[in-house]
Amino acid sequence: MGGVIELMVFMLIIAIFAFAPLGYFIYMYTMKNGEPFGDTEPHGDSESPVLKAVAKAIGIVKAKLGKS
């Protein structure tokens, strides 16, 4: 019977570590009035060098295809 109790305690410890990130996320989500990661910008509103480079590359490809 002692082995079963040891196994149950060991499984409880593993479950605590497995579900700790979920509990932390729920705690932070409720703490910041529904904003889990703080005040973030909506996707696509900010300009970045990568987006500018991709837009430029697409423009070049479109120009070359239009000339052919």
Protein backbone atom coordinates (compact mmCIF):
# COMPACT_ATOMS: atom_id res chain seq x y z
CA MET A 1 0.00 0.00 0.00
CA GLY A 2 2.96 2.30 0.60
CA GLY A 3 3.97 2.06 -3.05
CA VAL A 4 0.57 3.26 -4.20
CA ILE A 5 0.73 6.30 -1.91
CA GLU A 6 4.25 7.12 -3.09
CA LEU A 7 3.13 6.82 -6.71
CA MET A 8 0.12 9.06 -6.06
CA VAL A 9 2.31 11.74 -4.43
CA PHE A 10 4.81 11.52 -7.31
CA MET A 11 2.01 11.87 -9.88
CA LEU A 12 0.59 14.84 -7.96
CA ILE A 13 3.98 16.58 -8.04
CA ILE A 14 4.27 15.96 -11.81
CA ALA A 15 0.73 17.31 -12.36
CA ILE A 16 1.52 20.47 -10.39
CA PHE A 17 4.56 21.17 -12.58
CA ALA A 18 2.65 20.28 -15.76
CA PHE A 19 -0.26 22.63 -15.09
CA ALA A 20 1.70 25.48 -13.47
CA PRO A 21 2.11 27.43 -16.77
CA LEU A 22 -1.63 27.23 -17.41
CA GLY A 23 -2.38 28.50 -13.91
CA TYR A 24 0.13 31.32 -14.30
CA PHE A 25 -1.40 32.34 -17.64
CA ILE A 26 -4.91 32.39 -16.17
CA TYR A 27 -3.66 34.40 -13.19
CA MET A 28 -1.93 37.00 -15.40
CA TYR A 29 -4.92 37.17 -17.77
CA THR A 30 -7.37 37.95 -14.99
CA MET A 31 -4.93 40.35 -13.32
CA LYS A 32 -4.55 42.67 -16.33
CA ASN A 33 -8.26 43.15 -17.13
CA GLY A 34 -8.38 40.70 -20.00
CA GLU A 35 -5.04 41.61 -21.60
CA PRO A 36 -2.84 38.55 -21.19
CA PHE A 37 0.35 40.13 -22.50
CA GLY A 38 -0.16 43.75 -21.57
CA ASP A 39 -0.81 46.56 -24.03
CA THR A 40 0.15 45.21 -27.45
CA GLU A 41 -0.40 46.60 -30.93
CA PRO A 42 -2.84 44.88 -33.28
CA HIS A 43 -1.21 42.73 -35.93
CA GLY A 44 -0.16 44.59 -39.08
CA ASP A 45 -0.45 48.16 -37.81
CA SER A 46 3.25 48.84 -37.42
CA GLU A 47 5.78 49.16 -40.24
CA SER A 48 8.88 47.02 -40.12
CA PRO A 49 11.97 46.73 -42.32
CA VAL A 50 10.99 43.18 -43.26
CA LEU A 51 7.53 44.23 -44.44
CA LYS A 52 9.01 47.10 -46.43
CA ALA A 53 11.58 44.80 -48.08
CA VAL A 54 8.93 42.23 -48.99
CA ALA A 55 6.64 44.92 -50.41
CA LYS A 56 9.53 46.27 -52.48
CA ALA A 57 10.40 42.77 -53.77
CA ILE A 58 6.77 42.15 -54.72
CA GLY A 59 6.70 45.49 -56.53
CA ILE A 60 9.85 44.59 -58.50
CA VAL A 61 8.40 41.19 -59.48
CA LYS A 62 5.12 42.79 -60.54
CA ALA A 63 6.98 45.39 -62.61
CA LYS A 64 9.08 42.72 -64.38
CA LEU A 65 6.01 40.58 -65.09
CA GLY A 66 4.13 43.61 -66.38
CA LYS A 67 6.89 44.52 -68.84
CA SER A 68 7.08 41.03 -70.38
